[in-house]
């Protein structure tokens, strides 16, 4: 059996850790955008319950996304160090996509309602 040269193994390990960091930063970027959009939506009409609710849901969603990204980063880092590989279960990925879709639809509904007033 052929062994992998040490520098190739080290390069692959570094590449995996850097990819994990880039993924974490993508979670941070997305969560910051959601929080920012949430504030904008909430401030469109501060007297409107719908605007405040939609903005609050977006801010909450961004906060949850940030915490989830941090959890995933730490879990993946540990897995990489222990030479274990895990992926997000399909149900988890679908749940995240559906939750973000619902948040987006809720925000869109709030914007349309505010535009009609």
N, C-alpha and C. Protein backbone atom coordinates (compact mmCIF):
# COMPACT_ATOMS: atom_id res chain seq x y z
N UNK A 1 0.84 -1.18 0.00
CA UNK A 1 0.00 0.00 0.00
C UNK A 1 0.89 1.24 0.00
N UNK A 2 0.56 2.20 -0.86
CA UNK A 2 1.33 3.44 -0.98
C UNK A 2 0.88 4.45 0.06
N UNK A 3 1.83 5.09 0.69
CA UNK A 3 1.48 6.12 1.65
C UNK A 3 1.52 7.49 0.98
N UNK A 4 0.75 8.40 1.51
CA UNK A 4 0.67 9.76 0.99
C UNK A 4 1.83 10.56 1.58
N UNK A 5 2.58 11.30 0.73
CA UNK A 5 3.67 12.12 1.27
C UNK A 5 3.14 13.10 2.31
N UNK A 6 3.95 13.35 3.33
CA UNK A 6 3.55 14.20 4.46
C UNK A 6 3.16 15.60 4.02
N UNK A 7 3.86 16.20 3.06
CA UNK A 7 3.52 17.57 2.65
C UNK A 7 2.16 17.62 1.93
N UNK A 8 1.81 16.53 1.22
CA UNK A 8 0.50 16.49 0.56
C UNK A 8 -0.59 16.38 1.62
N UNK A 9 -0.36 15.56 2.64
CA UNK A 9 -1.32 15.40 3.73
C UNK A 9 -1.49 16.72 4.49
N UNK A 10 -0.40 17.41 4.76
CA UNK A 10 -0.46 18.70 5.47
C UNK A 10 -1.20 19.73 4.64
N UNK A 11 -0.92 19.76 3.34
CA UNK A 11 -1.59 20.72 2.45
C UNK A 11 -3.09 20.47 2.43
N UNK A 12 -3.50 19.21 2.38
CA UNK A 12 -4.92 18.88 2.37
C UNK A 12 -5.58 19.29 3.69
N UNK A 13 -4.89 19.08 4.80
CA UNK A 13 -5.42 19.45 6.11
C UNK A 13 -5.60 20.95 6.21
N UNK A 14 -4.62 21.70 5.78
CA UNK A 14 -4.72 23.17 5.80
C UNK A 14 -5.87 23.62 4.91
N UNK A 15 -5.97 23.04 3.73
CA UNK A 15 -7.04 23.41 2.80
C UNK A 15 -8.42 23.14 3.42
N UNK A 16 -8.57 22.03 4.11
CA UNK A 16 -9.84 21.69 4.75
C UNK A 16 -10.18 22.69 5.86
N UNK A 17 -9.20 23.05 6.67
CA UNK A 17 -9.44 24.01 7.75
C UNK A 17 -9.78 25.39 7.20
N UNK A 18 -9.11 25.79 6.15
CA UNK A 18 -9.41 27.09 5.54
C UNK A 18 -10.79 27.10 4.90
N UNK A 19 -11.18 25.99 4.30
CA UNK A 19 -12.53 25.89 3.74
C UNK A 19 -13.58 25.99 4.84
N UNK A 20 -13.30 25.38 5.98
CA UNK A 20 -14.21 25.47 7.12
C UNK A 20 -14.34 26.92 7.58
N UNK A 21 -13.24 27.65 7.62
CA UNK A 21 -13.29 29.07 8.01
C UNK A 21 -14.07 29.90 6.99
N UNK A 22 -13.89 29.62 5.70
CA UNK A 22 -14.64 30.36 4.68
C UNK A 22 -16.14 30.10 4.81
N UNK A 23 -16.49 28.87 5.12
CA UNK A 23 -17.90 28.54 5.32
C UNK A 23 -18.46 29.29 6.52
N UNK A 24 -17.70 29.35 7.60
CA UNK A 24 -18.13 30.10 8.77
C UNK A 24 -18.33 31.57 8.42
N UNK A 25 -17.40 32.14 7.68
CA UNK A 25 -17.53 33.55 7.29
C UNK A 25 -18.75 33.78 6.41
N UNK A 26 -19.12 32.79 5.59
CA UNK A 26 -20.33 32.91 4.78
C UNK A 26 -21.56 32.94 5.69
N UNK A 27 -21.56 32.12 6.75
CA UNK A 27 -22.66 32.17 7.71
C UNK A 27 -22.72 33.56 8.36
N UNK A 28 -21.57 34.11 8.73
CA UNK A 28 -21.53 35.43 9.37
C UNK A 28 -22.06 36.50 8.42
N UNK A 29 -21.62 36.46 7.17
CA UNK A 29 -22.09 37.43 6.17
C UNK A 29 -23.61 37.35 6.00
N UNK A 30 -24.11 36.14 5.89
CA UNK A 30 -25.54 35.95 5.70
C UNK A 30 -26.32 36.43 6.91
N UNK A 31 -25.82 36.12 8.09
CA UNK A 31 -26.54 36.54 9.30
C UNK A 31 -26.52 38.06 9.44
N UNK A 32 -25.41 38.70 9.11
CA UNK A 32 -25.35 40.17 9.16
C UNK A 32 -26.32 40.79 8.16
N UNK A 33 -26.42 40.21 6.98
CA UNK A 33 -27.36 40.72 5.98
C UNK A 33 -28.79 40.58 6.48
N UNK A 34 -29.11 39.43 7.08
CA UNK A 34 -30.47 39.23 7.59
C UNK A 34 -30.79 40.21 8.70
N UNK A 35 -29.86 40.42 9.61
CA UNK A 35 -30.09 41.38 10.71
C UNK A 35 -30.27 42.78 10.13
N UNK A 36 -29.42 43.15 9.19
CA UNK A 36 -29.53 44.47 8.55
C UNK A 36 -30.85 44.66 7.84
N UNK A 37 -31.27 43.67 7.06
CA UNK A 37 -32.56 43.76 6.37
C UNK A 37 -33.70 43.81 7.38
N UNK A 38 -33.55 43.08 8.47
CA UNK A 38 -34.57 43.11 9.51
C UNK A 38 -34.76 44.50 10.09
N UNK A 39 -33.65 45.18 10.36
CA UNK A 39 -33.75 46.55 10.86
C UNK A 39 -34.39 47.47 9.84
N UNK A 40 -34.02 47.31 8.59
CA UNK A 40 -34.60 48.17 7.54
C UNK A 40 -36.10 47.94 7.44
N UNK A 41 -36.50 46.67 7.43
CA UNK A 41 -37.93 46.36 7.33
C UNK A 41 -38.69 46.92 8.54
N UNK A 42 -38.12 46.75 9.72
CA UNK A 42 -38.78 47.24 10.93
C UNK A 42 -38.91 48.76 10.93
N UNK A 43 -37.96 49.45 10.32
CA UNK A 43 -37.97 50.92 10.33
C UNK A 43 -38.78 51.50 9.17
N UNK A 44 -39.25 50.67 8.24
CA UNK A 44 -40.04 51.21 7.13
C UNK A 44 -41.29 51.91 7.64
N UNK A 45 -41.96 51.29 8.59
CA UNK A 45 -43.13 51.90 9.21
C UNK A 45 -43.17 51.43 10.66
N UNK A 46 -42.51 52.15 11.55
CA UNK A 46 -42.40 51.70 12.95
C UNK A 46 -43.76 51.55 13.67
N UNK A 47 -44.80 52.16 13.13
CA UNK A 47 -46.12 52.04 13.76
C UNK A 47 -46.85 50.79 13.31
N UNK A 48 -46.36 50.16 12.25
CA UNK A 48 -47.01 48.97 11.71
C UNK A 48 -46.53 47.72 12.46
N UNK A 49 -47.49 46.98 12.99
CA UNK A 49 -47.17 45.73 13.68
C UNK A 49 -46.53 44.74 12.71
N UNK A 50 -47.04 44.72 11.48
CA UNK A 50 -46.50 43.80 10.48
C UNK A 50 -45.04 44.11 10.16
N UNK A 51 -44.73 45.38 10.00
CA UNK A 51 -43.35 45.77 9.71
C UNK A 51 -42.42 45.40 10.87
N UNK A 52 -42.86 45.68 12.08
CA UNK A 52 -42.04 45.33 13.25
C UNK A 52 -41.89 43.83 13.40
N UNK A 53 -42.97 43.09 13.15
CA UNK A 53 -42.91 41.63 13.27
C UNK A 53 -41.99 41.04 12.20
N UNK A 54 -42.13 41.49 10.96
CA UNK A 54 -41.28 40.97 9.89
C UNK A 54 -39.81 41.31 10.16
N UNK A 55 -39.56 42.53 10.58
CA UNK A 55 -38.18 42.92 10.91
C UNK A 55 -37.63 42.12 12.07
N UNK A 56 -38.45 41.93 13.08
CA UNK A 56 -38.02 41.14 14.24
C UNK A 56 -37.72 39.70 13.88
N UNK A 57 -38.55 39.12 13.02
CA UNK A 57 -38.31 37.74 12.59
C UNK A 57 -37.00 37.65 11.80
N UNK A 58 -36.74 38.64 10.95
CA UNK A 58 -35.49 38.64 10.19
C UNK A 58 -34.28 38.78 11.11
N UNK A 59 -34.37 39.66 12.10
CA UNK A 59 -33.27 39.83 13.06
C UNK A 59 -33.06 38.53 13.84
N UNK A 60 -34.15 37.93 14.29
CA UNK A 60 -34.05 36.67 15.01
C UNK A 60 -33.45 35.57 14.12
N UNK A 61 -33.90 35.52 12.87
CA UNK A 61 -33.35 34.53 11.93
C UNK A 61 -31.86 34.73 11.71
N UNK A 62 -31.43 35.99 11.60
CA UNK A 62 -30.00 36.27 11.43
C UNK A 62 -29.20 35.87 12.65
N UNK A 63 -29.77 36.08 13.82
CA UNK A 63 -29.08 35.70 15.05
C UNK A 63 -28.95 34.19 15.15
N UNK A 64 -30.03 33.48 14.83
CA UNK A 64 -29.99 32.02 14.85
C UNK A 64 -28.99 31.50 13.83
N UNK A 65 -28.96 32.12 12.65
CA UNK A 65 -28.02 31.70 11.61
C UNK A 65 -26.58 31.87 12.09
N UNK A 66 -26.30 32.96 12.78
CA UNK A 66 -24.95 33.20 13.30
C UNK A 66 -24.56 32.12 14.33
N UNK A 67 -25.47 31.82 15.23
CA UNK A 67 -25.20 30.79 16.24
C UNK A 67 -25.03 29.42 15.60
N UNK A 68 -25.86 29.11 14.61
CA UNK A 68 -25.75 27.83 13.91
C UNK A 68 -24.41 27.74 13.18
N UNK A 69 -24.00 28.84 12.54
CA UNK A 69 -22.71 28.85 11.84
C UNK A 69 -21.55 28.62 12.79
N UNK A 70 -21.61 29.24 13.97
CA UNK A 70 -20.55 29.04 14.96
C UNK A 70 -20.53 27.59 15.44
N UNK A 71 -21.72 27.02 15.68
CA UNK A 71 -21.79 25.62 16.09
C UNK A 71 -21.20 24.70 15.02
N UNK A 72 -21.58 24.93 13.77
CA UNK A 72 -21.06 24.10 12.67
C UNK A 72 -19.55 24.25 12.54
N UNK A 73 -19.04 25.47 12.67
CA UNK A 73 -17.61 25.69 12.55
C UNK A 73 -16.85 24.87 13.60
N UNK A 74 -17.28 24.97 14.85
CA UNK A 74 -16.60 24.26 15.94
C UNK A 74 -16.72 22.74 15.74
N UNK A 75 -17.91 22.27 15.38
CA UNK A 75 -18.12 20.83 15.19
C UNK A 75 -17.25 20.31 14.04
N UNK A 76 -17.20 21.05 12.94
CA UNK A 76 -16.39 20.61 11.79
C UNK A 76 -14.90 20.68 12.11
N UNK A 77 -14.50 21.68 12.87
CA UNK A 77 -13.09 21.79 13.25
C UNK A 77 -12.67 20.58 14.07
N UNK A 78 -13.50 20.22 15.05
CA UNK A 78 -13.21 19.03 15.86
C UNK A 78 -13.16 17.77 15.00
N UNK A 79 -14.11 17.67 14.07
CA UNK A 79 -14.14 16.50 13.19
C UNK A 79 -12.88 16.43 12.33
N UNK A 80 -12.44 17.57 11.81
CA UNK A 80 -11.22 17.58 10.99
C UNK A 80 -10.00 17.19 11.82
N UNK A 81 -9.91 17.70 13.03
CA UNK A 81 -8.78 17.36 13.90
C UNK A 81 -8.78 15.87 14.23
N UNK A 82 -9.97 15.30 14.45
CA UNK A 82 -10.09 13.88 14.79
C UNK A 82 -10.14 12.98 13.56
N UNK A 83 -9.98 13.56 12.37
CA UNK A 83 -10.03 12.83 11.10
C UNK A 83 -11.37 12.11 10.93
N UNK A 84 -12.44 12.81 11.29
CA UNK A 84 -13.79 12.33 11.05
C UNK A 84 -14.42 13.31 10.07
N UNK A 85 -15.25 12.84 9.21
CA UNK A 85 -15.90 13.72 8.26
C UNK A 85 -17.39 13.57 8.40
N UNK A 86 -18.03 14.71 8.55
CA UNK A 86 -19.48 14.73 8.69
C UNK A 86 -20.03 15.72 7.68
N UNK A 87 -21.25 15.48 7.30
CA UNK A 87 -21.94 16.44 6.45
C UNK A 87 -23.27 16.76 7.09
N UNK A 88 -23.84 17.85 6.68
CA UNK A 88 -25.16 18.23 7.15
C UNK A 88 -26.17 17.24 6.58
N UNK A 89 -27.02 16.72 7.41
CA UNK A 89 -28.04 15.78 6.94
C UNK A 89 -28.98 16.50 5.98
N UNK A 90 -29.50 15.77 4.99
CA UNK A 90 -30.42 16.42 4.03
C UNK A 90 -31.60 17.10 4.72
N UNK A 91 -32.13 16.50 5.78
CA UNK A 91 -33.26 17.10 6.48
C UNK A 91 -32.86 18.45 7.09
N UNK A 92 -31.64 18.56 7.59
CA UNK A 92 -31.15 19.82 8.14
C UNK A 92 -31.03 20.89 7.08
N UNK A 93 -30.50 20.51 5.93
CA UNK A 93 -30.36 21.47 4.83
C UNK A 93 -31.73 21.93 4.34
N UNK A 94 -32.67 21.00 4.22
CA UNK A 94 -34.02 21.36 3.78
C UNK A 94 -34.69 22.26 4.81
N UNK A 95 -34.52 21.96 6.09
CA UNK A 95 -35.13 22.78 7.15
C UNK A 95 -34.60 24.21 7.10
N UNK A 96 -33.30 24.36 6.89
CA UNK A 96 -32.71 25.70 6.79
C UNK A 96 -33.27 26.44 5.57
N UNK A 97 -33.33 25.76 4.44
CA UNK A 97 -33.83 26.39 3.22
C UNK A 97 -35.30 26.80 3.37
N UNK A 98 -36.11 25.94 3.96
CA UNK A 98 -37.52 26.25 4.15
C UNK A 98 -37.69 27.42 5.12
N UNK A 99 -36.94 27.41 6.22
CA UNK A 99 -37.03 28.51 7.19
C UNK A 99 -36.64 29.84 6.55
N UNK A 100 -35.58 29.85 5.77
CA UNK A 100 -35.18 31.09 5.11
C UNK A 100 -36.19 31.51 4.05
N UNK A 101 -36.78 30.54 3.36
CA UNK A 101 -37.82 30.86 2.39
C UNK A 101 -39.04 31.49 3.05
N UNK A 102 -39.45 30.94 4.19
CA UNK A 102 -40.59 31.49 4.93
C UNK A 102 -40.26 32.91 5.42
N UNK A 103 -39.04 33.10 5.93
CA UNK A 103 -38.63 34.44 6.35
C UNK A 103 -38.70 35.42 5.19
N UNK A 104 -38.21 35.00 4.04
CA UNK A 104 -38.23 35.87 2.86
C UNK A 104 -39.65 36.21 2.42
N UNK A 105 -40.53 35.21 2.42
CA UNK A 105 -41.92 35.45 2.04
C UNK A 105 -42.61 36.38 3.03
N UNK A 106 -42.34 36.18 4.30
CA UNK A 106 -42.92 37.04 5.34
C UNK A 106 -42.45 38.48 5.14
N UNK A 107 -41.17 38.66 4.88
CA UNK A 107 -40.64 40.01 4.66
C UNK A 107 -41.24 40.62 3.39
N UNK A 108 -41.39 39.82 2.34
CA UNK A 108 -41.97 40.32 1.10
C UNK A 108 -43.42 40.75 1.31
N UNK A 109 -44.16 39.95 2.05
CA UNK A 109 -45.55 40.28 2.36
C UNK A 109 -45.62 41.61 3.11
N UNK A 110 -44.74 41.78 4.09
CA UNK A 110 -44.72 43.03 4.85
C UNK A 110 -44.41 44.22 3.96
N UNK A 111 -43.48 44.05 3.04
CA UNK A 111 -43.13 45.14 2.13
C UNK A 111 -44.29 45.50 1.21
N UNK A 112 -44.98 44.49 0.70
CA UNK A 112 -46.12 44.74 -0.19
C UNK A 112 -47.23 45.45 0.58
N UNK A 113 -47.50 44.98 1.78
CA UNK A 113 -48.55 45.61 2.60
C UNK A 113 -48.21 47.07 2.89
N UNK A 114 -46.93 47.34 3.21
CA UNK A 114 -46.53 48.71 3.50
C UNK A 114 -46.61 49.58 2.26
N UNK A 115 -46.33 49.03 1.11
CA UNK A 115 -46.39 49.80 -0.13
C UNK A 115 -47.83 50.18 -0.48
N UNK A 116 -48.78 49.38 -0.04
CA UNK A 116 -50.19 49.65 -0.34
C UNK A 116 -50.77 50.76 0.54
N UNK A 117 -50.12 51.08 1.63
CA UNK A 117 -50.63 52.12 2.53
C UNK A 117 -50.14 53.46 2.15
